[in-house]
């Protein structure tokens, strides 16, 4: 979710940024919202919502975050798995 916010803030002229997961939540992560608002003055609650992987368009580039969750197959021209632990 933070990567989507920063991608929209700094890269929207070059690419589209999406974040999604294997399950939805009633709201996006409020710790992430607070940090992005404090550091970048962007309110993620205004531009983002919890989304499933099936809710986003097919991507050219996918960066998976790992988080010890089995991820369904994602098709893209380029896929990376950065494998961060879930905070």
PDB file of N, CA and C in Angstrom:
ATOM      1  N   UNK A   1       0.821  -1.187   0.000  1.00  0.00           N
ATOM      2  CA  UNK A   1       0.000   0.000   0.000  1.00  0.00           C
ATOM      3  C   UNK A   1       0.867   1.254   0.000  1.00  0.00           C
ATOM      4  N   UNK A   2       1.950   1.221   0.756  1.00  0.00           N
ATOM      5  CA  UNK A   2       2.854   2.367   0.772  1.00  0.00           C
ATOM      6  C   UNK A   2       3.522   2.531  -0.592  1.00  0.00           C
ATOM      7  N   UNK A   3       3.898   1.423  -1.206  1.00  0.00           N
ATOM      8  CA  UNK A   3       4.527   1.489  -2.531  1.00  0.00           C
ATOM      9  C   UNK A   3       3.558   2.061  -3.560  1.00  0.00           C
ATOM     10  N   UNK A   4       2.285   1.698  -3.476  1.00  0.00           N
ATOM     11  CA  UNK A   4       1.288   2.268  -4.384  1.00  0.00           C
ATOM     12  C   UNK A   4       1.207   3.780  -4.200  1.00  0.00           C
ATOM     13  N   UNK A   5       1.171   4.229  -2.951  1.00  0.00           N
ATOM     14  CA  UNK A   5       1.087   5.665  -2.674  1.00  0.00           C
ATOM     15  C   UNK A   5       2.306   6.408  -3.213  1.00  0.00           C
ATOM     16  N   UNK A   6       3.496   5.864  -2.983  1.00  0.00           N
ATOM     17  CA  UNK A   6       4.713   6.530  -3.452  1.00  0.00           C
ATOM     18  C   UNK A   6       4.845   6.459  -4.966  1.00  0.00           C
ATOM     19  N   UNK A   7       4.419   5.356  -5.556  1.00  0.00           N
ATOM     20  CA  UNK A   7       4.426   5.251  -7.013  1.00  0.00           C
ATOM     21  C   UNK A   7       3.514   6.283  -7.648  1.00  0.00           C
ATOM     22  N   UNK A   8       2.347   6.480  -7.056  1.00  0.00           N
ATOM     23  CA  UNK A   8       1.417   7.498  -7.568  1.00  0.00           C
ATOM     24  C   UNK A   8       1.981   8.902  -7.377  1.00  0.00           C
ATOM     25  N   UNK A   9       2.645   9.130  -6.253  1.00  0.00           N
ATOM     26  CA  UNK A   9       3.190  10.449  -5.955  1.00  0.00           C
ATOM     27  C   UNK A   9       4.360  10.804  -6.873  1.00  0.00           C
ATOM     28  N   UNK A  10       5.291   9.862  -7.055  1.00  0.00           N
ATOM     29  CA  UNK A  10       6.530  10.175  -7.766  1.00  0.00           C
ATOM     30  C   UNK A  10       6.616   9.635  -9.191  1.00  0.00           C
ATOM     31  N   UNK A  11       5.776   8.686  -9.549  1.00  0.00           N
ATOM     32  CA  UNK A  11       5.937   8.057 -10.854  1.00  0.00           C
ATOM     33  C   UNK A  11       4.718   8.039 -11.737  1.00  0.00           C
ATOM     34  N   UNK A  12       3.689   8.775 -11.389  1.00  0.00           N
ATOM     35  CA  UNK A  12       2.420   8.670 -12.117  1.00  0.00           C
ATOM     36  C   UNK A  12       2.518   9.093 -13.580  1.00  0.00           C
ATOM     37  N   UNK A  13       3.529   9.876 -13.936  1.00  0.00           N
ATOM     38  CA  UNK A  13       3.698  10.262 -15.343  1.00  0.00           C
ATOM     39  C   UNK A  13       4.334   9.143 -16.162  1.00  0.00           C
ATOM     40  N   UNK A  14       4.924   8.153 -15.475  1.00  0.00           N
ATOM     41  CA  UNK A  14       5.651   7.084 -16.159  1.00  0.00           C
ATOM     42  C   UNK A  14       4.940   5.736 -16.047  1.00  0.00           C
ATOM     43  N   UNK A  15       4.321   5.453 -14.904  1.00  0.00           N
ATOM     44  CA  UNK A  15       3.674   4.157 -14.713  1.00  0.00           C
ATOM     45  C   UNK A  15       2.472   4.276 -13.797  1.00  0.00           C
ATOM     46  N   UNK A  16       1.646   3.230 -13.792  1.00  0.00           N
ATOM     47  CA  UNK A  16       0.503   3.123 -12.888  1.00  0.00           C
ATOM     48  C   UNK A  16       0.893   2.198 -11.745  1.00  0.00           C
ATOM     49  N   UNK A  17       0.537   2.561 -10.543  1.00  0.00           N
ATOM     50  CA  UNK A  17       0.881   1.771  -9.363  1.00  0.00           C
ATOM     51  C   UNK A  17      -0.374   1.188  -8.735  1.00  0.00           C
ATOM     52  N   UNK A  18      -0.296  -0.085  -8.376  1.00  0.00           N
ATOM     53  CA  UNK A  18      -1.400  -0.770  -7.709  1.00  0.00           C
ATOM     54  C   UNK A  18      -0.833  -1.620  -6.588  1.00  0.00           C
ATOM     55  N   UNK A  19      -1.606  -1.778  -5.534  1.00  0.00           N
ATOM     56  CA  UNK A  19      -1.288  -2.759  -4.507  1.00  0.00           C
ATOM     57  C   UNK A  19      -2.526  -3.613  -4.311  1.00  0.00           C
ATOM     58  N   UNK A  20      -2.298  -4.876  -4.009  1.00  0.00           N
ATOM     59  CA  UNK A  20      -3.415  -5.803  -3.812  1.00  0.00           C
ATOM     60  C   UNK A  20      -2.919  -6.981  -2.993  1.00  0.00           C
ATOM     61  N   UNK A  21      -3.849  -7.743  -2.495  1.00  0.00           N
ATOM     62  CA  UNK A  21      -3.483  -8.890  -1.678  1.00  0.00           C
ATOM     63  C   UNK A  21      -4.377 -10.081  -1.938  1.00  0.00           C
ATOM     64  N   UNK A  22      -4.186 -11.105  -1.132  1.00  0.00           N
ATOM     65  CA  UNK A  22      -4.951 -12.336  -1.276  1.00  0.00           C
ATOM     66  C   UNK A  22      -6.269 -12.289  -0.509  1.00  0.00           C
ATOM     67  N   UNK A  23      -6.458 -11.246   0.302  1.00  0.00           N
ATOM     68  CA  UNK A  23      -7.727 -11.031   0.999  1.00  0.00           C
ATOM     69  C   UNK A  23      -7.911  -9.530   1.188  1.00  0.00           C
ATOM     70  N   UNK A  24      -9.168  -9.103   1.296  1.00  0.00           N
ATOM     71  CA  UNK A  24      -9.428  -7.685   1.527  1.00  0.00           C
ATOM     72  C   UNK A  24      -9.657  -7.436   3.011  1.00  0.00           C
ATOM     73  N   UNK A  25      -9.509  -6.204   3.386  1.00  0.00           N
ATOM     74  CA  UNK A  25      -9.749  -5.750   4.758  1.00  0.00           C
ATOM     75  C   UNK A  25     -10.773  -4.615   4.695  1.00  0.00           C
ATOM     76  N   UNK A  26     -11.424  -4.299   5.802  1.00  0.00           N
ATOM     77  CA  UNK A  26     -12.390  -3.195   5.795  1.00  0.00           C
ATOM     78  C   UNK A  26     -11.753  -1.848   5.417  1.00  0.00           C
ATOM     79  N   UNK A  27     -10.462  -1.697   5.714  1.00  0.00           N
ATOM     80  CA  UNK A  27      -9.750  -0.468   5.362  1.00  0.00           C
ATOM     81  C   UNK A  27      -8.283  -0.798   5.118  1.00  0.00           C
ATOM     82  N   UNK A  28      -7.577   0.118   4.460  1.00  0.00           N
ATOM     83  CA  UNK A  28      -6.155  -0.105   4.253  1.00  0.00           C
ATOM     84  C   UNK A  28      -5.427   0.079   5.580  1.00  0.00           C
ATOM     85  N   UNK A  29      -4.182  -0.354   5.641  1.00  0.00           N
ATOM     86  CA  UNK A  29      -3.399  -0.336   6.868  1.00  0.00           C
ATOM     87  C   UNK A  29      -3.233   1.097   7.380  1.00  0.00           C
ATOM     88  N   UNK A  30      -3.794   1.371   8.550  1.00  0.00           N
ATOM     89  CA  UNK A  30      -3.781   2.732   9.082  1.00  0.00           C
ATOM     90  C   UNK A  30      -2.403   3.160   9.584  1.00  0.00           C
ATOM     91  N   UNK A  31      -1.532   2.217   9.926  1.00  0.00           N
ATOM     92  CA  UNK A  31      -0.149   2.581  10.246  1.00  0.00           C
ATOM     93  C   UNK A  31       0.544   3.118   8.998  1.00  0.00           C
ATOM     94  N   UNK A  32       0.320   2.460   7.860  1.00  0.00           N
ATOM     95  CA  UNK A  32       0.889   2.928   6.593  1.00  0.00           C
ATOM     96  C   UNK A  32       0.323   4.295   6.231  1.00  0.00           C
ATOM     97  N   UNK A  33      -0.978   4.479   6.433  1.00  0.00           N
ATOM     98  CA  UNK A  33      -1.624   5.767   6.146  1.00  0.00           C
ATOM     99  C   UNK A  33      -0.968   6.875   6.965  1.00  0.00           C
ATOM    100  N   UNK A  34      -0.770   6.622   8.251  1.00  0.00           N
ATOM    101  CA  UNK A  34      -0.181   7.625   9.144  1.00  0.00           C
ATOM    102  C   UNK A  34       1.249   7.970   8.729  1.00  0.00           C
ATOM    103  N   UNK A  35       2.052   6.948   8.426  1.00  0.00           N
ATOM    104  CA  UNK A  35       3.454   7.182   8.060  1.00  0.00           C
ATOM    105  C   UNK A  35       3.557   7.974   6.761  1.00  0.00           C
ATOM    106  N   UNK A  36       2.793   7.584   5.746  1.00  0.00           N
ATOM    107  CA  UNK A  36       2.837   8.295   4.462  1.00  0.00           C
ATOM    108  C   UNK A  36       2.334   9.728   4.629  1.00  0.00           C
ATOM    109  N   UNK A  37       1.307   9.909   5.453  1.00  0.00           N
ATOM    110  CA  UNK A  37       0.789  11.266   5.680  1.00  0.00           C
ATOM    111  C   UNK A  37       1.830  12.120   6.401  1.00  0.00           C
ATOM    112  N   UNK A  38       2.493  11.544   7.413  1.00  0.00           N
ATOM    113  CA  UNK A  38       3.510  12.286   8.161  1.00  0.00           C
ATOM    114  C   UNK A  38       4.712  12.646   7.286  1.00  0.00           C
ATOM    115  N   UNK A  39       5.178  11.699   6.480  1.00  0.00           N
ATOM    116  CA  UNK A  39       6.396  11.915   5.694  1.00  0.00           C
ATOM    117  C   UNK A  39       6.171  12.653   4.382  1.00  0.00           C
ATOM    118  N   UNK A  40       5.018  12.402   3.730  1.00  0.00           N
ATOM    119  CA  UNK A  40       4.819  12.909   2.370  1.00  0.00           C
ATOM    120  C   UNK A  40       3.574  13.775   2.210  1.00  0.00           C
ATOM    121  N   UNK A  41       2.814  13.952   3.294  1.00  0.00           N
ATOM    122  CA  UNK A  41       1.593  14.779   3.254  1.00  0.00           C
ATOM    123  C   UNK A  41       0.556  14.257   2.259  1.00  0.00           C
ATOM    124  N   UNK A  42       0.506  12.950   2.095  1.00  0.00           N
ATOM    125  CA  UNK A  42      -0.458  12.289   1.207  1.00  0.00           C
ATOM    126  C   UNK A  42      -1.394  11.454   2.069  1.00  0.00           C
ATOM    127  N   UNK A  43      -2.706  11.612   1.871  1.00  0.00           N
ATOM    128  CA  UNK A  43      -3.687  10.821   2.612  1.00  0.00           C
ATOM    129  C   UNK A  43      -4.110   9.632   1.753  1.00  0.00           C
ATOM    130  N   UNK A  44      -3.558   8.473   2.053  1.00  0.00           N
ATOM    131  CA  UNK A  44      -3.857   7.261   1.293  1.00  0.00           C
ATOM    132  C   UNK A  44      -5.332   6.886   1.368  1.00  0.00           C
ATOM    133  N   UNK A  45      -6.031   7.287   2.437  1.00  0.00           N
ATOM    134  CA  UNK A  45      -7.457   6.978   2.551  1.00  0.00           C
ATOM    135  C   UNK A  45      -8.267   7.620   1.433  1.00  0.00           C
ATOM    136  N   UNK A  46      -7.760   8.697   0.838  1.00  0.00           N
ATOM    137  CA  UNK A  46      -8.475   9.386  -0.234  1.00  0.00           C
ATOM    138  C   UNK A  46      -8.265   8.740  -1.603  1.00  0.00           C
ATOM    139  N   UNK A  47      -7.177   7.989  -1.769  1.00  0.00           N
ATOM    140  CA  UNK A  47      -6.835   7.478  -3.104  1.00  0.00           C
ATOM    141  C   UNK A  47      -6.749   5.961  -3.193  1.00  0.00           C
ATOM    142  N   UNK A  48      -6.842   5.269  -2.075  1.00  0.00           N
ATOM    143  CA  UNK A  48      -6.658   3.821  -2.094  1.00  0.00           C
ATOM    144  C   UNK A  48      -7.747   3.105  -1.307  1.00  0.00           C
ATOM    145  N   UNK A  49      -7.911   1.823  -1.642  1.00  0.00           N
ATOM    146  CA  UNK A  49      -8.803   0.946  -0.893  1.00  0.00           C
ATOM    147  C   UNK A  49      -8.191  -0.445  -0.912  1.00  0.00           C
ATOM    148  N   UNK A  50      -8.655  -1.303  -0.052  1.00  0.00           N
ATOM    149  CA  UNK A  50      -8.198  -2.683  -0.015  1.00  0.00           C
ATOM    150  C   UNK A  50      -8.676  -3.396  -1.278  1.00  0.00           C
ATOM    151  N   UNK A  51      -7.748  -4.080  -1.969  1.00  0.00           N
ATOM    152  CA  UNK A  51      -8.076  -4.743  -3.236  1.00  0.00           C
ATOM    153  C   UNK A  51      -7.519  -6.158  -3.270  1.00  0.00           C
ATOM    154  N   UNK A  52      -8.219  -7.016  -4.003  1.00  0.00           N
ATOM    155  CA  UNK A  52      -7.724  -8.362  -4.279  1.00  0.00           C
ATOM    156  C   UNK A  52      -6.832  -8.330  -5.512  1.00  0.00           C
ATOM    157  N   UNK A  53      -5.970  -9.320  -5.637  1.00  0.00           N
ATOM    158  CA  UNK A  53      -5.128  -9.428  -6.831  1.00  0.00           C
ATOM    159  C   UNK A  53      -5.963  -9.468  -8.104  1.00  0.00           C
ATOM    160  N   UNK A  54      -7.147 -10.053  -8.011  1.00  0.00           N
ATOM    161  CA  UNK A  54      -8.011 -10.151  -9.193  1.00  0.00           C
ATOM    162  C   UNK A  54      -8.683  -8.825  -9.545  1.00  0.00           C
ATOM    163  N   UNK A  55      -8.570  -7.824  -8.672  1.00  0.00           N
ATOM    164  CA  UNK A  55      -9.196  -6.520  -8.905  1.00  0.00           C
ATOM    165  C   UNK A  55      -8.325  -5.560  -9.712  1.00  0.00           C
ATOM    166  N   UNK A  56      -7.058  -5.893  -9.887  1.00  0.00           N
ATOM    167  CA  UNK A  56      -6.161  -4.969 -10.580  1.00  0.00           C
ATOM    168  C   UNK A  56      -5.924  -5.441 -12.015  1.00  0.00           C
ATOM    169  N   UNK A  57      -5.588  -4.506 -12.920  1.00  0.00           N
ATOM    170  CA  UNK A  57      -5.361  -4.908 -14.315  1.00  0.00           C
ATOM    171  C   UNK A  57      -4.078  -5.716 -14.472  1.00  0.00           C
ATOM    172  N   UNK A  58      -3.979  -6.423 -15.606  1.00  0.00           N
ATOM    173  CA  UNK A  58      -2.757  -7.167 -15.917  1.00  0.00           C
ATOM    174  C   UNK A  58      -1.596  -6.186 -15.955  1.00  0.00           C
ATOM    175  N   UNK A  59      -0.482  -6.583 -15.377  1.00  0.00           N
ATOM    176  CA  UNK A  59       0.657  -5.680 -15.243  1.00  0.00           C
ATOM    177  C   UNK A  59       1.818  -6.102 -16.131  1.00  0.00           C
ATOM    178  N   UNK A  60       2.618  -5.128 -16.527  1.00  0.00           N
ATOM    179  CA  UNK A  60       3.867  -5.408 -17.236  1.00  0.00           C
ATOM    180  C   UNK A  60       4.951  -5.824 -16.252  1.00  0.00           C
ATOM    181  N   UNK A  61       4.974  -5.172 -15.090  1.00  0.00           N
ATOM    182  CA  UNK A  61       5.971  -5.444 -14.053  1.00  0.00           C
ATOM    183  C   UNK A  61       5.237  -5.694 -12.741  1.00  0.00           C
ATOM    184  N   UNK A  62       5.600  -6.775 -12.054  1.00  0.00           N
ATOM    185  CA  UNK A  62       5.017  -7.103 -10.754  1.00  0.00           C
ATOM    186  C   UNK A  62       6.150  -7.232  -9.749  1.00  0.00           C
ATOM    187  N   UNK A  63       5.994  -6.570  -8.611  1.00  0.00           N
ATOM    188  CA  UNK A  63       6.927  -6.743  -7.504  1.00  0.00           C
ATOM    189  C   UNK A  63       6.133  -7.325  -6.351  1.00  0.00           C
ATOM    190  N   UNK A  64       6.455  -8.576  -6.006  1.00  0.00           N
ATOM    191  CA  UNK A  64       5.782  -9.252  -4.896  1.00  0.00           C
ATOM    192  C   UNK A  64       6.574  -8.976  -3.625  1.00  0.00           C
ATOM    193  N   UNK A  65       5.860  -8.848  -2.516  1.00  0.00           N
ATOM    194  CA  UNK A  65       6.506  -8.530  -1.253  1.00  0.00           C
ATOM    195  C   UNK A  65       6.686  -9.760  -0.361  1.00  0.00           C
ATOM    196  N   UNK A  66       6.228 -10.905  -0.791  1.00  0.00           N
ATOM    197  CA  UNK A  66       6.417 -12.104   0.006  1.00  0.00           C
ATOM    198  C   UNK A  66       5.450 -12.171   1.166  1.00  0.00           C
ATOM    199  N   UNK A  67       5.893 -11.781   2.331  1.00  0.00           N
ATOM    200  CA  UNK A  67       5.094 -11.767   3.565  1.00  0.00           C
ATOM    201  C   UNK A  67       4.616 -13.163   3.953  1.00  0.00           C
ATOM    202  N   UNK A  68       5.326 -14.180   3.512  1.00  0.00           N
ATOM    203  CA  UNK A  68       5.024 -15.560   3.881  1.00  0.00           C
ATOM    204  C   UNK A  68       3.614 -15.988   3.501  1.00  0.00           C
ATOM    205  N   UNK A  69       3.083 -15.438   2.422  1.00  0.00           N
ATOM    206  CA  UNK A  69       1.770 -15.805   1.919  1.00  0.00           C
ATOM    207  C   UNK A  69       1.957 -16.454   0.560  1.00  0.00           C
ATOM    208  N   UNK A  70       1.305 -17.594   0.346  1.00  0.00           N
ATOM    209  CA  UNK A  70       1.363 -18.226  -0.964  1.00  0.00           C
ATOM    210  C   UNK A  70       0.581 -17.357  -1.930  1.00  0.00           C
ATOM    211  N   UNK A  71       1.255 -16.923  -2.971  1.00  0.00           N
ATOM    212  CA  UNK A  71       0.651 -15.994  -3.918  1.00  0.00           C
ATOM    213  C   UNK A  71       0.171 -16.754  -5.142  1.00  0.00           C
ATOM    214  N   UNK A  72      -1.029 -16.454  -5.596  1.00  0.00           N
ATOM    215  CA  UNK A  72      -1.478 -17.068  -6.840  1.00  0.00           C
ATOM    216  C   UNK A  72      -0.548 -16.665  -7.982  1.00  0.00           C
ATOM    217  N   UNK A  73      -0.610 -17.397  -9.042  1.00  0.00           N
ATOM    218  CA  UNK A  73       0.237 -17.099 -10.190  1.00  0.00           C
ATOM    219  C   UNK A  73      -0.151 -15.740 -10.766  1.00  0.00           C
ATOM    220  N   UNK A  74       0.829 -14.888 -10.907  1.00  0.00           N
ATOM    221  CA  UNK A  74       0.637 -13.580 -11.529  1.00  0.00           C
ATOM    222  C   UNK A  74       1.406 -13.577 -12.835  1.00  0.00           C
ATOM    223  N   UNK A  75       0.764 -13.164 -13.898  1.00  0.00           N
ATOM    224  CA  UNK A  75       1.480 -13.104 -15.164  1.00  0.00           C
ATOM    225  C   UNK A  75       1.893 -11.664 -15.433  1.00  0.00           C
ATOM    226  N   UNK A  76       3.124 -11.513 -15.879  1.00  0.00           N
ATOM    227  CA  UNK A  76       3.666 -10.200 -16.215  1.00  0.00           C
ATOM    228  C   UNK A  76       4.924 -10.421 -17.040  1.00  0.00           C
ATOM    229  N   UNK A  77       5.373  -9.382 -17.708  1.00  0.00           N
ATOM    230  CA  UNK A  77       6.616  -9.476 -18.467  1.00  0.00           C
ATOM    231  C   UNK A  77       7.824  -9.590 -17.552  1.00  0.00           C
ATOM    232  N   UNK A  78       7.725  -9.025 -16.361  1.00  0.00           N
ATOM    233  CA  UNK A  78       8.837  -9.056 -15.403  1.00  0.00           C
ATOM    234  C   UNK A  78       8.258  -9.180 -13.999  1.00  0.00           C
ATOM    235  N   UNK A  79       8.734 -10.160 -13.225  1.00  0.00           N
ATOM    236  CA  UNK A  79       8.263 -10.367 -11.854  1.00  0.00           C
ATOM    237  C   UNK A  79       9.469 -10.448 -10.929  1.00  0.00           C
ATOM    238  N   UNK A  80       9.406  -9.722  -9.820  1.00  0.00           N
ATOM    239  CA  UNK A  80      10.419  -9.806  -8.773  1.00  0.00           C
ATOM    240  C   UNK A  80       9.723 -10.103  -7.456  1.00  0.00           C
ATOM    241  N   UNK A  81      10.414 -10.829  -6.573  1.00  0.00           N
ATOM    242  CA  UNK A  81       9.901 -11.079  -5.227  1.00  0.00           C
ATOM    243  C   UNK A  81      10.919 -10.534  -4.243  1.00  0.00           C
ATOM    244  N   UNK A  82      10.572  -9.436  -3.589  1.00  0.00           N
ATOM    245  CA  UNK A  82      11.498  -8.802  -2.663  1.00  0.00           C
ATOM    246  C   UNK A  82      11.476  -9.454  -1.289  1.00  0.00           C
ATOM    247  N   UNK A  83      10.486 -10.277  -0.987  1.00  0.00           N
ATOM    248  CA  UNK A  83      10.469 -11.127   0.197  1.00  0.00           C
ATOM    249  C   UNK A  83      10.624 -10.441   1.545  1.00  0.00           C
ATOM    250  N   UNK A  84       9.957  -9.321   1.757  1.00  0.00           N
ATOM    251  CA  UNK A  84       9.995  -8.678   3.067  1.00  0.00           C
ATOM    252  C   UNK A  84       9.122  -9.438   4.051  1.00  0.00           C
ATOM    253  N   UNK A  85       9.494  -9.386   5.329  1.00  0.00           N
ATOM    254  CA  UNK A  85       8.636  -9.944   6.365  1.00  0.00           C
ATOM    255  C   UNK A  85       7.437  -9.029   6.558  1.00  0.00           C
ATOM    256  N   UNK A  86       6.294  -9.619   6.888  1.00  0.00           N
ATOM    257  CA  UNK A  86       5.084  -8.848   7.149  1.00  0.00           C
ATOM    258  C   UNK A  86       5.271  -8.088   8.458  1.00  0.00           C
ATOM    259  N   UNK A  87       5.121  -6.744   8.426  1.00  0.00           N
ATOM    260  CA  UNK A  87       5.310  -5.984   9.676  1.00  0.00           C
ATOM    261  C   UNK A  87       4.191  -6.271  10.648  1.00  0.00           C
TER     262      UNK A  87
END
